[in-house]
Amino acid sequence: DVAKQAIEQIGDGVQRVFVQGARACADVVAIAHAVRSSTALLSLNLYFSCSELRGAQAIAEAIADHTPRLRYLEMEGNRIGAIGAVRIGRALSANTTLLMLNLRSNGIGSDGMAEIATGLAGNTCLR
């Protein structure tokens, strides 16, 4: 399964992981937990991987937790919605490693974007 392969890759010290179409939000949560303990991962792409709110919360915790080296996070098409964007926005203000974040096609809306903008105001790394 896609999530299991991603978790194994992260555990093996791979620098870039691409996950497309994880079928369950629990898979994204498990991947986020693996990301938190990785010292090698530079880039994570969760492309249309059903993260929704639970997955967004787990990823937010991982990036707020100063994941040692994660620089690029792509979460296109994960339906995180406004509440997921709020969680990620709050995490961004604490993060000091991300250089690029893609949240395209997530149904964030204006409230979610406002929270992302607030988080970006306190972030000195994202471009």
Protein backbone atom coordinates (compact mmCIF):
# COMPACT_ATOMS: atom_id res chain seq x y z
CA ASP A 1 0.00 0.00 0.00
CA VAL A 2 1.06 3.57 -0.76
CA ALA A 3 1.24 4.81 2.83
CA LYS A 4 3.24 1.82 4.04
CA GLN A 5 5.78 2.33 1.23
CA ALA A 6 6.08 6.04 2.11
CA ILE A 7 6.62 5.29 5.80
CA GLU A 8 9.29 2.72 4.91
CA GLN A 9 11.02 5.22 2.61
CA ILE A 10 11.00 7.89 5.31
CA GLY A 11 12.38 5.40 7.83
CA ASP A 12 15.10 4.37 5.37
CA GLY A 13 16.37 7.94 5.15
CA VAL A 14 15.04 8.86 1.70
CA GLN A 15 15.15 12.63 1.05
CA ARG A 16 12.10 12.91 -1.21
CA VAL A 17 8.79 11.06 -0.87
CA PHE A 18 5.85 11.28 -3.27
CA VAL A 19 2.50 9.89 -2.16
CA GLN A 20 -0.39 9.98 -4.58
CA GLY A 21 -3.82 8.78 -3.68
CA ALA A 22 -3.49 7.49 -0.13
CA ARG A 23 -6.99 6.17 0.48
CA ALA A 24 -7.49 6.84 4.16
CA CYS A 25 -6.87 9.87 6.33
CA ALA A 26 -5.29 7.50 8.86
CA ASP A 27 -2.58 6.82 6.25
CA VAL A 28 -1.67 10.51 6.12
CA VAL A 29 -1.63 10.65 9.92
CA ALA A 30 0.79 7.70 9.98
CA ILE A 31 2.99 9.37 7.36
CA ALA A 32 3.01 12.59 9.41
CA HIS A 33 4.21 10.67 12.46
CA ALA A 34 7.05 9.19 10.39
CA VAL A 35 7.94 12.69 9.14
CA ARG A 36 8.29 13.94 12.72
CA SER A 37 11.08 11.49 13.44
CA SER A 38 12.93 11.83 10.14
CA THR A 39 16.28 13.57 10.00
CA ALA A 40 16.76 13.03 6.26
CA LEU A 41 13.44 13.92 4.60
CA LEU A 42 13.66 17.14 2.59
CA SER A 43 10.54 16.95 0.42
CA LEU A 44 7.09 15.45 1.00
CA ASN A 45 4.40 15.48 -1.66
CA LEU A 46 0.96 14.30 -0.52
CA TYR A 47 -0.84 14.65 -3.84
CA PHE A 48 -4.59 13.98 -3.60
CA SER A 49 -4.06 11.81 -0.54
CA CYS A 50 -7.25 12.24 1.46
CA SER A 51 -5.66 14.00 4.41
CA GLU A 52 -8.72 16.11 5.24
CA LEU A 53 -8.81 17.65 8.74
CA ARG A 54 -7.16 14.78 10.66
CA GLY A 55 -4.30 14.60 8.19
CA ALA A 56 -3.90 18.38 8.15
CA GLN A 57 -3.72 18.41 11.95
CA ALA A 58 -1.03 15.70 11.96
CA ILE A 59 1.01 17.47 9.28
CA ALA A 60 0.62 20.77 11.17
CA GLU A 61 1.98 19.13 14.31
CA ALA A 62 4.92 17.75 12.32
CA ILE A 63 5.87 21.12 10.83
CA ALA A 64 5.35 22.98 14.12
CA ASP A 65 7.53 20.39 15.80
CA HIS A 66 10.51 21.72 13.85
CA THR A 67 10.87 18.61 11.73
CA PRO A 68 14.62 18.71 11.30
CA ARG A 69 15.06 19.06 7.56
CA LEU A 70 11.70 19.18 5.76
CA ARG A 71 11.97 22.01 3.22
CA TYR A 72 9.22 21.29 0.67
CA LEU A 73 5.66 20.28 1.49
CA GLU A 74 3.08 19.77 -1.23
CA MET A 75 -0.48 18.97 -0.18
CA GLU A 76 -2.42 19.64 -3.35
CA GLY A 77 -5.97 18.31 -3.48
CA ASN A 78 -6.32 16.98 0.06
CA ARG A 79 -9.60 18.65 1.06
CA ILE A 80 -8.18 20.11 4.26
CA GLY A 81 -10.77 22.89 4.26
CA ALA A 82 -10.69 26.10 6.29
CA ILE A 83 -10.15 24.39 9.65
CA GLY A 84 -7.20 22.38 8.30
CA ALA A 85 -5.74 25.61 6.91
CA VAL A 86 -6.13 27.24 10.32
CA ARG A 87 -4.11 24.41 11.88
CA ILE A 88 -1.40 24.61 9.24
CA GLY A 89 -1.35 28.42 9.44
CA ARG A 90 -0.72 28.29 13.17
CA ALA A 91 2.07 25.76 12.65
CA LEU A 92 3.74 27.95 10.03
CA SER A 93 4.52 30.68 12.54
CA ALA A 94 6.55 28.16 14.58
CA ASN A 95 8.25 26.46 11.63
CA THR A 96 11.81 27.41 10.72
CA THR A 97 12.61 24.92 7.95
CA LEU A 98 9.97 25.01 5.18
CA LEU A 99 10.95 26.90 2.05
CA MET A 100 7.93 25.95 -0.07
CA LEU A 101 4.33 25.01 0.72
CA ASN A 102 1.64 24.08 -1.82
CA LEU A 103 -1.95 23.97 -0.58
CA ARG A 104 -3.66 24.28 -3.97
CA SER A 105 -7.13 22.76 -4.42
CA ASN A 106 -7.94 22.21 -0.76
CA GLY A 107 -11.16 24.20 -0.31
CA ILE A 108 -9.47 26.57 2.12
CA GLY A 109 -11.66 29.61 1.55
CA SER A 110 -11.04 33.15 2.76
CA ASP A 111 -10.98 32.30 6.49
CA GLY A 112 -8.38 29.58 5.92
CA MET A 113 -6.30 31.87 3.71
CA ALA A 114 -6.39 34.58 6.37
CA GLU A 115 -4.96 32.14 8.92
CA ILE A 116 -2.28 30.98 6.44
CA ALA A 117 -1.37 34.64 5.86
CA THR A 118 -1.10 35.22 9.63
CA GLY A 119 1.17 32.19 9.95
CA LEU A 120 3.30 33.37 7.05
CA ALA A 121 3.74 36.78 8.69
CA GLY A 122 5.58 35.08 11.54
CA ASN A 123 7.58 32.74 9.30
CA THR A 124 11.00 33.84 8.13
CA CYS A 125 11.76 30.89 5.80
CA LEU A 126 8.89 30.42 3.36
CA ARG A 127 9.19 32.29 0.07
